[in-house]
Structures are given as structure tokens and as C-alpha cells.
């Protein structure tokens, strides 16, 4: 899994599958899209205007850890 935040466009991407696959994009609303790959697997989740949803994101960036 990879989490990427791009402050220039204020977008947060959570990439669950590293390999490149052809996806269908499903927009849940104006800010959130889910990429669905082969076998109906969730490949990535993209959140636009992410700093509005996560206070301090632009200033601090992101930090994360995998849970056991």
C-alpha cells in the first residue's frame, strides 16, 4: 500500500495495489473516486480537496504506519 499526498493539487491517493492495471473509475461524490480493477478489486482511492477533510495536511504532510 502507498499513500501519496500532492499539496499542489490538494489530492490524497491511497494506492492499494502497486501493479499497473486497467481500472474503471467510480465517483462516489465530487471529492472521492475509487479505482476498480480486474476481479472487482479496489486498486486506489483518491480524495480531492483533502486538506479540507484532514486539518493540517498541507502543513504537516502525511505520516502513516501499517497496523499489525
N, C-alpha and C. Protein backbone atom coordinates (compact mmCIF):
# COMPACT_ATOMS: atom_id res chain seq x y z
N UNK A 1 0.85 -1.17 0.00
CA UNK A 1 0.00 0.00 0.00
C UNK A 1 0.89 1.23 0.00
N UNK A 2 0.45 2.26 -0.71
CA UNK A 2 1.20 3.51 -0.79
C UNK A 2 0.21 4.66 -0.61
N UNK A 3 0.58 5.63 0.22
CA UNK A 3 -0.24 6.82 0.43
C UNK A 3 0.54 8.01 -0.09
N UNK A 4 -0.07 8.78 -0.97
CA UNK A 4 0.60 9.90 -1.61
C UNK A 4 -0.28 11.14 -1.43
N UNK A 5 0.36 12.23 -0.99
CA UNK A 5 -0.35 13.50 -0.91
C UNK A 5 0.36 14.50 -1.80
N UNK A 6 -0.38 15.13 -2.70
CA UNK A 6 0.17 16.15 -3.60
C UNK A 6 -0.41 17.50 -3.18
N UNK A 7 0.38 18.31 -2.47
CA UNK A 7 -0.14 19.60 -1.99
C UNK A 7 -0.43 20.60 -3.10
N UNK A 8 0.19 20.44 -4.27
CA UNK A 8 -0.05 21.40 -5.35
C UNK A 8 -1.48 21.31 -5.88
N UNK A 9 -2.08 20.12 -5.81
CA UNK A 9 -3.47 19.96 -6.25
C UNK A 9 -4.38 19.55 -5.10
N UNK A 10 -3.80 19.44 -3.89
CA UNK A 10 -4.53 19.07 -2.67
C UNK A 10 -5.28 17.75 -2.85
N UNK A 11 -4.55 16.74 -3.34
CA UNK A 11 -5.15 15.43 -3.58
C UNK A 11 -4.41 14.35 -2.79
N UNK A 12 -5.17 13.48 -2.16
CA UNK A 12 -4.63 12.35 -1.41
C UNK A 12 -5.01 11.07 -2.15
N UNK A 13 -4.02 10.24 -2.44
CA UNK A 13 -4.27 8.97 -3.11
C UNK A 13 -3.80 7.83 -2.21
N UNK A 14 -4.68 6.87 -2.01
CA UNK A 14 -4.34 5.65 -1.28
C UNK A 14 -4.32 4.54 -2.32
N UNK A 15 -3.12 4.09 -2.64
CA UNK A 15 -2.94 3.06 -3.67
C UNK A 15 -2.80 1.72 -2.97
N UNK A 16 -3.73 0.82 -3.20
CA UNK A 16 -3.74 -0.48 -2.53
C UNK A 16 -3.00 -1.56 -3.30
N UNK A 17 -2.93 -1.39 -4.62
CA UNK A 17 -2.26 -2.36 -5.48
C UNK A 17 -1.16 -1.64 -6.25
N UNK A 18 0.06 -2.11 -6.14
CA UNK A 18 1.20 -1.44 -6.76
C UNK A 18 1.24 -1.61 -8.28
N UNK A 19 0.84 -2.77 -8.77
CA UNK A 19 0.95 -3.03 -10.21
C UNK A 19 0.01 -2.15 -11.02
N UNK A 20 0.42 -1.87 -12.25
CA UNK A 20 -0.42 -1.08 -13.15
C UNK A 20 -1.49 -1.99 -13.74
N UNK A 21 -2.73 -1.59 -13.58
CA UNK A 21 -3.85 -2.35 -14.14
C UNK A 21 -4.85 -1.36 -14.72
N UNK A 22 -5.61 -1.83 -15.68
CA UNK A 22 -6.67 -1.01 -16.25
C UNK A 22 -7.81 -0.93 -15.24
N UNK A 23 -8.32 0.28 -15.02
CA UNK A 23 -9.33 0.48 -13.98
C UNK A 23 -10.57 1.18 -14.52
N UNK A 24 -11.64 0.94 -13.83
CA UNK A 24 -12.87 1.70 -14.02
C UNK A 24 -12.94 2.65 -12.83
N UNK A 25 -13.20 3.92 -13.08
CA UNK A 25 -13.27 4.91 -12.01
C UNK A 25 -14.73 5.11 -11.63
N UNK A 26 -15.00 4.95 -10.35
CA UNK A 26 -16.34 5.18 -9.82
C UNK A 26 -16.27 6.41 -8.91
N UNK A 27 -17.00 7.43 -9.27
CA UNK A 27 -17.03 8.66 -8.47
C UNK A 27 -18.11 8.51 -7.40
N UNK A 28 -17.70 8.60 -6.15
CA UNK A 28 -18.66 8.50 -5.05
C UNK A 28 -19.34 9.83 -4.79
N UNK A 29 -18.59 10.91 -5.01
CA UNK A 29 -19.13 12.27 -4.91
C UNK A 29 -18.14 13.20 -5.61
N UNK A 30 -18.25 14.50 -5.39
CA UNK A 30 -17.36 15.46 -6.07
C UNK A 30 -15.91 15.33 -5.63
N UNK A 31 -15.67 14.76 -4.45
CA UNK A 31 -14.31 14.70 -3.90
C UNK A 31 -13.68 13.32 -3.90
N UNK A 32 -14.46 12.29 -3.94
CA UNK A 32 -13.91 10.94 -3.75
C UNK A 32 -14.19 10.05 -4.96
N UNK A 33 -13.11 9.39 -5.43
CA UNK A 33 -13.23 8.43 -6.53
C UNK A 33 -12.54 7.13 -6.12
N UNK A 34 -13.07 6.03 -6.60
CA UNK A 34 -12.50 4.71 -6.33
C UNK A 34 -12.15 4.08 -7.67
N UNK A 35 -10.92 3.59 -7.79
CA UNK A 35 -10.49 2.87 -8.99
C UNK A 35 -10.71 1.38 -8.77
N UNK A 36 -11.49 0.77 -9.64
CA UNK A 36 -11.79 -0.66 -9.55
C UNK A 36 -11.08 -1.38 -10.69
N UNK A 37 -10.31 -2.41 -10.34
CA UNK A 37 -9.55 -3.16 -11.32
C UNK A 37 -10.17 -4.50 -11.63
N UNK A 38 -9.40 -5.36 -12.31
CA UNK A 38 -9.89 -6.70 -12.65
C UNK A 38 -10.33 -7.47 -11.40
N UNK A 39 -11.37 -8.24 -11.56
CA UNK A 39 -11.87 -9.02 -10.45
C UNK A 39 -12.56 -8.17 -9.39
N UNK A 40 -12.95 -6.96 -9.79
CA UNK A 40 -13.63 -6.01 -8.91
C UNK A 40 -12.81 -5.68 -7.66
N UNK A 41 -11.47 -5.67 -7.81
CA UNK A 41 -10.58 -5.30 -6.71
C UNK A 41 -10.44 -3.80 -6.65
N UNK A 42 -10.44 -3.25 -5.45
CA UNK A 42 -10.20 -1.82 -5.27
C UNK A 42 -8.70 -1.60 -5.44
N UNK A 43 -8.34 -0.78 -6.41
CA UNK A 43 -6.95 -0.50 -6.72
C UNK A 43 -6.48 0.76 -5.99
N UNK A 44 -7.31 1.81 -5.99
CA UNK A 44 -6.92 3.06 -5.36
C UNK A 44 -8.15 3.86 -4.97
N UNK A 45 -7.93 4.77 -4.03
CA UNK A 45 -8.95 5.71 -3.60
C UNK A 45 -8.32 7.09 -3.70
N UNK A 46 -9.01 8.03 -4.34
CA UNK A 46 -8.49 9.38 -4.49
C UNK A 46 -9.44 10.35 -3.81
N UNK A 47 -8.86 11.26 -3.02
CA UNK A 47 -9.65 12.27 -2.32
C UNK A 47 -9.15 13.65 -2.76
N UNK A 48 -10.03 14.43 -3.36
CA UNK A 48 -9.70 15.80 -3.77
C UNK A 48 -10.04 16.75 -2.63
N UNK A 49 -9.40 17.92 -2.61
CA UNK A 49 -9.58 18.89 -1.52
C UNK A 49 -9.33 18.22 -0.17
N UNK A 50 -8.30 17.39 -0.13
CA UNK A 50 -8.03 16.56 1.04
C UNK A 50 -7.75 17.39 2.30
N UNK A 51 -7.12 18.55 2.16
CA UNK A 51 -6.79 19.35 3.35
C UNK A 51 -8.04 19.91 4.02
N UNK A 52 -9.15 19.98 3.30
CA UNK A 52 -10.40 20.41 3.91
C UNK A 52 -10.97 19.30 4.80
N UNK A 53 -10.63 18.07 4.50
CA UNK A 53 -11.13 16.93 5.27
C UNK A 53 -10.17 16.53 6.38
N UNK A 54 -8.87 16.82 6.19
CA UNK A 54 -7.86 16.45 7.17
C UNK A 54 -7.12 17.73 7.56
N UNK A 55 -7.50 18.34 8.67
CA UNK A 55 -6.88 19.60 9.08
C UNK A 55 -5.36 19.46 9.24
N UNK A 56 -4.61 20.46 8.77
CA UNK A 56 -3.16 20.48 8.91
C UNK A 56 -2.42 19.65 7.88
N UNK A 57 -3.11 19.05 6.96
CA UNK A 57 -2.47 18.17 5.97
C UNK A 57 -1.46 18.90 5.11
N UNK A 58 -1.80 20.09 4.64
CA UNK A 58 -0.88 20.84 3.78
C UNK A 58 0.40 21.21 4.52
N UNK A 59 0.28 21.57 5.80
CA UNK A 59 1.44 21.99 6.58
C UNK A 59 2.30 20.81 7.02
N UNK A 60 1.68 19.73 7.44
CA UNK A 60 2.42 18.59 8.01
C UNK A 60 2.69 17.47 7.02
N UNK A 61 1.96 17.44 5.93
CA UNK A 61 2.08 16.30 5.02
C UNK A 61 1.38 15.09 5.63
N UNK A 62 1.84 13.91 5.28
CA UNK A 62 1.21 12.71 5.81
C UNK A 62 2.25 11.85 6.51
N UNK A 63 1.79 11.13 7.49
CA UNK A 63 2.60 10.09 8.10
C UNK A 63 1.63 8.94 8.39
N UNK A 64 2.10 7.74 8.21
CA UNK A 64 1.22 6.60 8.39
C UNK A 64 2.04 5.40 8.78
N UNK A 65 1.35 4.42 9.29
CA UNK A 65 2.01 3.15 9.62
C UNK A 65 1.03 2.02 9.36
N UNK A 66 1.56 0.91 8.99
CA UNK A 66 0.76 -0.28 8.76
C UNK A 66 0.43 -0.89 10.12
N UNK A 67 -0.81 -1.25 10.31
CA UNK A 67 -1.18 -1.91 11.56
C UNK A 67 -0.90 -3.40 11.45
N UNK A 68 -0.53 -4.03 12.57
CA UNK A 68 -0.21 -5.48 12.50
C UNK A 68 -1.41 -6.32 12.14
